[in-house]
Protein backbone atom coordinates (compact mmCIF):
# COMPACT_ATOMS: atom_id res chain seq x y z
CA UNK A 1 0.00 0.00 0.00
CA UNK A 2 2.94 2.31 0.64
CA UNK A 3 3.89 2.04 -3.02
CA UNK A 4 0.59 3.52 -4.16
CA UNK A 5 -0.06 6.24 -1.58
CA UNK A 6 2.29 8.46 0.32
CA UNK A 7 1.80 9.20 4.00
CA UNK A 8 0.14 12.52 3.22
CA UNK A 9 -2.43 10.95 0.91
CA UNK A 10 -3.20 8.29 3.53
CA UNK A 11 -3.72 10.97 6.18
CA UNK A 12 -6.04 12.93 3.89
CA UNK A 13 -8.10 9.82 3.08
CA UNK A 14 -8.35 8.93 6.76
CA UNK A 15 -9.48 12.48 7.54
CA UNK A 16 -12.15 12.34 4.83
CA UNK A 17 -13.46 9.01 6.14
CA UNK A 18 -13.61 10.45 9.66
CA UNK A 19 -15.47 13.54 8.45
CA UNK A 20 -18.05 11.46 6.57
CA UNK A 21 -18.54 9.26 9.66
CA UNK A 22 -19.09 12.32 11.88
CA UNK A 23 -21.51 13.83 9.35
CA UNK A 24 -23.44 10.57 9.26
CA UNK A 25 -23.76 10.55 13.06
CA UNK A 26 -24.81 14.22 13.04
CA UNK A 27 -27.44 13.55 10.37
CA UNK A 28 -29.00 10.87 12.56
CA UNK A 29 -29.03 13.08 15.65
CA UNK A 30 -30.21 16.24 13.82
CA UNK A 31 -32.99 15.29 11.37
CA UNK A 32 -34.11 18.95 11.17
CA UNK A 33 -31.04 19.97 9.14
CA UNK A 34 -31.77 19.16 5.51
CA UNK A 35 -28.30 19.21 3.99
CA UNK A 36 -27.02 16.74 6.58
CA UNK A 37 -29.60 14.16 5.50
CA UNK A 38 -27.52 13.47 2.40
CA UNK A 39 -25.03 11.69 4.69
CA UNK A 40 -27.66 9.71 6.60
CA UNK A 41 -27.62 5.97 6.06
CA UNK A 42 -31.01 4.33 5.52
CA UNK A 43 -32.61 2.76 8.57
CA UNK A 44 -33.50 -0.89 8.35
CA UNK A 45 -36.84 -1.41 10.05
CA UNK A 46 -37.28 -5.01 11.14
CA UNK A 47 -40.33 -6.57 12.62
CA UNK A 48 -40.10 -8.30 15.99
CA UNK A 49 -40.27 -11.68 14.24
CA UNK A 50 -37.28 -10.80 12.06
CA UNK A 51 -35.30 -9.65 15.13
CA UNK A 52 -36.06 -12.91 16.93
CA UNK A 53 -35.08 -14.93 13.85
CA UNK A 54 -31.78 -13.05 13.49
CA UNK A 55 -31.02 -13.39 17.19
CA UNK A 56 -31.64 -17.15 17.08
CA UNK A 57 -29.51 -17.49 13.97
CA UNK A 58 -26.68 -15.56 15.64
CA UNK A 59 -27.00 -17.71 18.77
CA UNK A 60 -26.81 -20.91 16.69
CA UNK A 61 -23.70 -19.60 14.96
CA UNK A 62 -22.11 -18.69 18.31
CA UNK A 63 -22.88 -22.17 19.65
CA UNK A 64 -21.32 -23.78 16.59
CA UNK A 65 -18.22 -21.60 16.95
CA UNK A 66 -17.87 -22.59 20.61
CA UNK A 67 -18.12 -26.29 19.77
CA UNK A 68 -15.58 -25.97 16.95
CA UNK A 69 -13.25 -24.07 19.30
CA UNK A 70 -13.62 -26.89 21.82
CA UNK A 71 -12.50 -29.44 19.25
CA UNK A 72 -9.76 -27.22 17.81
CA UNK A 73 -8.14 -26.29 21.11
CA UNK A 74 -6.54 -29.68 21.86
CA UNK A 75 -5.53 -30.11 18.23
CA UNK A 76 -3.77 -26.74 18.24
CA UNK A 77 -2.02 -27.58 21.50
CA UNK A 78 -0.75 -30.95 20.32
CA UNK A 79 0.26 -29.71 16.87
CA UNK A 80 2.15 -26.76 18.37
CA UNK A 81 4.01 -29.03 20.80
CA UNK A 82 4.98 -31.38 17.98
CA UNK A 83 6.11 -28.52 15.74
CA UNK A 84 8.49 -27.30 18.44
CA UNK A 85 9.72 -30.86 19.08
CA UNK A 86 8.37 -30.98 22.62
CA UNK A 87 6.41 -33.69 24.32
CA UNK A 88 2.93 -32.87 25.64
CA UNK A 89 3.07 -32.48 29.41
CA UNK A 90 0.41 -33.67 31.85
CA UNK A 91 -0.68 -30.40 33.49
CA UNK A 92 -1.07 -28.39 30.26
CA UNK A 93 -2.89 -31.33 28.66
CA UNK A 94 -5.34 -31.41 31.59
CA UNK A 95 -5.87 -27.64 31.36
CA UNK A 96 -6.40 -27.75 27.60
CA UNK A 97 -8.76 -30.72 27.92
CA UNK A 98 -10.74 -28.93 30.63
CA UNK A 99 -11.03 -25.78 28.53
CA UNK A 100 -12.06 -27.89 25.57
CA UNK A 101 -14.79 -29.64 27.54
CA UNK A 102 -16.00 -26.26 28.85
CA UNK A 103 -16.16 -24.83 25.30
CA UNK A 104 -18.08 -27.83 24.00
CA UNK A 105 -20.46 -27.79 26.99
CA UNK A 106 -21.05 -24.05 26.60
CA UNK A 107 -21.76 -24.49 22.89
CA UNK A 108 -24.25 -27.28 23.56
CA UNK A 109 -25.87 -25.25 26.32
CA UNK A 110 -26.21 -22.18 24.05
CA UNK A 111 -27.63 -24.35 21.28
CA UNK A 112 -30.11 -26.11 23.59
CA UNK A 113 -31.20 -22.82 25.17
CA UNK A 114 -31.74 -21.28 21.74
CA UNK A 115 -34.26 -23.91 20.58
């Protein structure tokens, strides 16, 4: 990126992005000023059913991520110990296994609570 833009151009672009962000926030807080409404982003009006559906979908995704993290945690530990030519030790293995079980249990609990 440094090849295309100098530091000055980057600073100017960052300043412009900040100004547009501030104008967008001002347009939302001051609807009586007409020229600011050009910078206002459209509001997405969702029904209560759509909100509930999105919340459940997000909860299912979070539960799935927790379960995947629970399975990935021991794999990452053992792979990293093998890469550095170390042997897995008992205490860290117990800690990693406990954290893994907690992640999987939390994911199942989130998923079961979401249904």
